[in-house]
Amino acid sequence: MRTQAVIGYVALLVLSLLLHAVKPANTLYYSLLPALMLIFPIIVGHRVKLRFSIRDFMLGIVVSLVILAPYYVIFGKNMKTITVYIFLFQLLSVSFPEEFFFRGFLQDTINRNFRSVLLVSLLFAVAHIPKALFPGDWMSLLTFFPSLVMGWLYMKTNNILPGTIFHLLANLTHQGTRYF
């Protein structure tokens, strides 16, 4: 892994640990995390691969339906809690910045093979440790598994769009579940 990728990941992890430990009252501080995920790859000159393609868009939708529909049927049925605000927040502050950084930057920097998918999925789960430690959301460590899907989508398409769609729909499905 290149030095730039290690520096970016460590900076993200440290910032996340600090924000979750300090719990600033102003939620504006939490926007530093998605900002870092979007800005860091650009600062180091990495060109993240994002293009709108109907084929890639549909792949993201189909994979989401196949994988997430059973989860929703078993645990869900509470999508009434999903508002336009939650949808936009999940898209713009969570799914897109995380896919931009983890798949479009880290995975692309490492390689486009299954070993890189495994490594980045592990790093993705580790990045959720502050959320597990401080607010006590231990379920967030299970992000390793959907990260495998997002990494595979990036590996197959060389585009963060299908992974972003899956990420968004996985987060919304999780938010709409009654048991988690």
Protein backbone atom coordinates (compact mmCIF):
# COMPACT_ATOMS: atom_id res chain seq x y z
CA MET A 1 0.00 0.00 0.00
CA ARG A 2 1.34 3.40 -0.90
CA THR A 3 2.33 5.85 1.83
CA GLN A 4 -0.38 8.32 0.80
CA ALA A 5 -3.10 5.70 1.32
CA VAL A 6 -1.73 4.79 4.77
CA ILE A 7 -1.55 8.47 5.79
CA GLY A 8 -5.11 9.10 4.58
CA TYR A 9 -6.49 6.07 6.38
CA VAL A 10 -4.67 6.83 9.65
CA ALA A 11 -5.84 10.47 9.49
CA LEU A 12 -9.42 9.28 8.99
CA LEU A 13 -9.18 6.81 11.86
CA VAL A 14 -7.64 9.36 14.26
CA LEU A 15 -10.23 12.02 13.37
CA SER A 16 -13.04 9.52 13.84
CA LEU A 17 -11.66 8.41 17.23
CA LEU A 18 -11.33 12.04 18.36
CA LEU A 19 -14.82 13.02 17.25
CA HIS A 20 -16.46 9.99 18.83
CA ALA A 21 -14.46 10.37 22.07
CA VAL A 22 -15.05 14.11 22.47
CA LYS A 23 -18.66 14.02 21.22
CA PRO A 24 -18.77 17.66 20.18
CA ALA A 25 -22.15 19.30 20.68
CA ASN A 26 -21.99 20.94 17.28
CA THR A 27 -22.81 18.31 14.64
CA LEU A 28 -20.95 20.45 12.11
CA TYR A 29 -17.74 18.89 13.43
CA TYR A 30 -18.92 15.48 12.25
CA SER A 31 -18.95 16.79 8.67
CA LEU A 32 -15.15 16.77 8.90
CA LEU A 33 -15.14 13.00 8.34
CA PRO A 34 -16.96 12.98 4.97
CA ALA A 35 -15.02 16.11 3.97
CA LEU A 36 -11.72 14.35 4.69
CA MET A 37 -12.85 11.28 2.73
CA LEU A 38 -13.68 13.46 -0.28
CA ILE A 39 -10.78 15.90 -0.12
CA PHE A 40 -7.82 13.67 0.75
CA PRO A 41 -7.78 11.63 -2.50
CA ILE A 42 -8.06 14.85 -4.50
CA ILE A 43 -5.23 16.55 -2.57
CA VAL A 44 -2.86 13.63 -3.23
CA GLY A 45 -3.80 13.68 -6.92
CA HIS A 46 -5.74 10.43 -7.10
CA ARG A 47 -8.44 10.34 -9.74
CA VAL A 48 -11.42 8.45 -8.33
CA LYS A 49 -13.40 6.59 -10.97
CA LEU A 50 -17.01 7.72 -10.99
CA ARG A 51 -19.14 7.77 -14.10
CA PHE A 52 -22.84 7.44 -14.70
CA SER A 53 -23.55 4.27 -16.61
CA ILE A 54 -26.99 2.71 -16.88
CA ARG A 55 -25.37 -0.74 -16.79
CA ASP A 56 -23.44 0.02 -13.59
CA PHE A 57 -26.46 1.75 -12.03
CA MET A 58 -28.66 -1.27 -12.74
CA LEU A 59 -25.99 -3.63 -11.43
CA GLY A 60 -26.01 -1.70 -8.13
CA ILE A 61 -29.81 -1.90 -7.96
CA VAL A 62 -30.02 -5.61 -8.86
CA VAL A 63 -27.26 -6.67 -6.45
CA SER A 64 -28.93 -4.58 -3.74
CA LEU A 65 -32.29 -6.23 -4.33
CA VAL A 66 -30.86 -9.76 -4.37
CA ILE A 67 -28.79 -9.28 -1.19
CA LEU A 68 -30.88 -6.82 0.81
CA ALA A 69 -34.44 -8.00 0.07
CA PRO A 70 -34.21 -11.11 2.29
CA TYR A 71 -32.75 -9.01 5.13
CA TYR A 72 -35.57 -6.50 4.75
CA VAL A 73 -38.27 -9.19 4.62
CA ILE A 74 -36.95 -10.83 7.79
CA PHE A 75 -36.03 -7.76 9.86
CA GLY A 76 -37.50 -4.75 8.08
CA LYS A 77 -40.92 -3.42 7.26
CA ASN A 78 -40.32 -0.09 8.96
CA MET A 79 -39.24 2.06 6.03
CA LYS A 80 -41.64 4.79 7.17
CA THR A 81 -38.79 6.10 9.30
CA ILE A 82 -36.80 6.91 6.15
CA THR A 83 -37.31 10.59 5.38
CA VAL A 84 -35.91 12.68 2.54
CA TYR A 85 -33.42 14.12 5.04
CA ILE A 86 -32.21 10.65 6.07
CA PHE A 87 -31.96 9.59 2.41
CA LEU A 88 -29.90 12.66 1.47
CA PHE A 89 -27.78 12.43 4.61
CA GLN A 90 -27.00 8.78 3.95
CA LEU A 91 -26.15 9.49 0.31
CA LEU A 92 -24.11 12.68 0.70
CA SER A 93 -22.53 12.26 4.15
CA VAL A 94 -22.06 8.50 4.41
CA SER A 95 -22.38 6.33 1.29
CA PHE A 96 -20.79 8.53 -1.34
CA PRO A 97 -17.83 9.81 0.76
CA GLU A 98 -17.08 6.33 2.12
CA GLU A 99 -17.17 4.74 -1.34
CA PHE A 100 -15.10 7.62 -2.74
CA PHE A 101 -12.42 7.04 -0.09
CA PHE A 102 -12.48 3.30 0.56
CA ARG A 103 -13.14 1.89 -2.91
CA GLY A 104 -12.23 4.79 -5.20
CA PHE A 105 -9.02 5.65 -3.35
CA LEU A 106 -7.83 2.86 -1.05
CA GLN A 107 -8.90 -0.16 -3.07
CA ASP A 108 -7.82 1.48 -6.30
CA THR A 109 -4.44 2.34 -4.77
CA ILE A 110 -3.85 -1.20 -3.53
CA ASN A 111 -5.06 -3.13 -6.56
CA ARG A 112 -8.18 -4.33 -8.29
CA ASN A 113 -8.21 -7.94 -7.12
CA PHE A 114 -9.96 -9.98 -4.44
CA ARG A 115 -7.07 -9.59 -1.99
CA SER A 116 -7.54 -5.80 -2.10
CA VAL A 117 -11.29 -6.26 -1.59
CA LEU A 118 -10.58 -8.29 1.57
CA LEU A 119 -7.99 -5.82 2.89
CA VAL A 120 -10.12 -2.74 2.26
CA SER A 121 -13.16 -4.48 3.79
CA LEU A 122 -11.10 -5.15 6.90
CA LEU A 123 -9.94 -1.51 6.98
CA PHE A 124 -13.56 -0.40 6.47
CA ALA A 125 -14.71 -2.46 9.47
CA VAL A 126 -11.80 -1.20 11.60
CA ALA A 127 -12.77 2.36 10.69
CA HIS A 128 -16.11 1.68 12.38
CA ILE A 129 -14.45 0.78 15.71
CA PRO A 130 -14.92 4.33 17.13
CA LYS A 131 -18.66 3.96 16.52
CA ALA A 132 -18.57 0.64 18.37
CA LEU A 133 -16.47 1.88 21.28
CA PHE A 134 -18.08 5.21 22.10
CA PRO A 135 -21.78 5.08 21.18
CA GLY A 136 -21.73 1.30 21.75
CA ASP A 137 -22.90 0.38 18.24
CA TRP A 138 -21.14 -2.99 18.01
CA MET A 139 -23.26 -3.97 15.00
CA SER A 140 -21.27 -1.43 12.99
CA LEU A 141 -18.35 -3.87 12.96
CA LEU A 142 -20.41 -6.13 10.71
CA THR A 143 -19.77 -3.60 7.93
CA PHE A 144 -17.02 -5.97 6.80
CA PHE A 145 -19.61 -8.12 5.00
CA PRO A 146 -21.42 -5.48 2.93
CA SER A 147 -17.98 -3.98 2.25
CA LEU A 148 -17.07 -7.21 0.46
CA VAL A 149 -20.01 -6.63 -1.89
CA MET A 150 -19.08 -2.97 -2.43
CA GLY A 151 -15.46 -3.92 -3.11
CA TRP A 152 -16.51 -6.64 -5.54
CA LEU A 153 -18.77 -4.18 -7.39
CA TYR A 154 -15.85 -1.76 -7.72
CA MET A 155 -13.49 -4.53 -8.81
CA LYS A 156 -15.93 -5.64 -11.53
CA THR A 157 -16.93 -2.19 -12.85
CA ASN A 158 -14.02 0.14 -12.04
CA ASN A 159 -16.70 2.62 -10.99
CA ILE A 160 -17.82 3.65 -7.48
CA LEU A 161 -21.43 4.18 -8.63
CA PRO A 162 -22.77 0.62 -8.12
CA GLY A 163 -21.07 0.33 -4.72
CA THR A 164 -22.48 3.69 -3.67
CA ILE A 165 -25.98 2.53 -4.61
CA PHE A 166 -25.55 -0.71 -2.68
CA HIS A 167 -24.04 1.18 0.29
CA LEU A 168 -26.94 3.66 0.35
CA LEU A 169 -29.61 0.98 0.10
CA ALA A 170 -27.87 -1.22 2.71
CA ASN A 171 -27.74 1.71 5.14
CA LEU A 172 -31.39 2.61 4.51
CA THR A 173 -32.44 -1.02 4.88
CA HIS A 174 -30.51 -1.28 8.13
CA GLN A 175 -32.08 1.96 9.33
CA GLY A 176 -35.54 0.57 8.55
CA THR A 177 -35.09 -2.67 10.47
CA ARG A 178 -36.88 -3.29 13.73
CA TYR A 179 -34.33 -5.55 15.44
CA PHE A 180 -31.07 -3.66 14.89
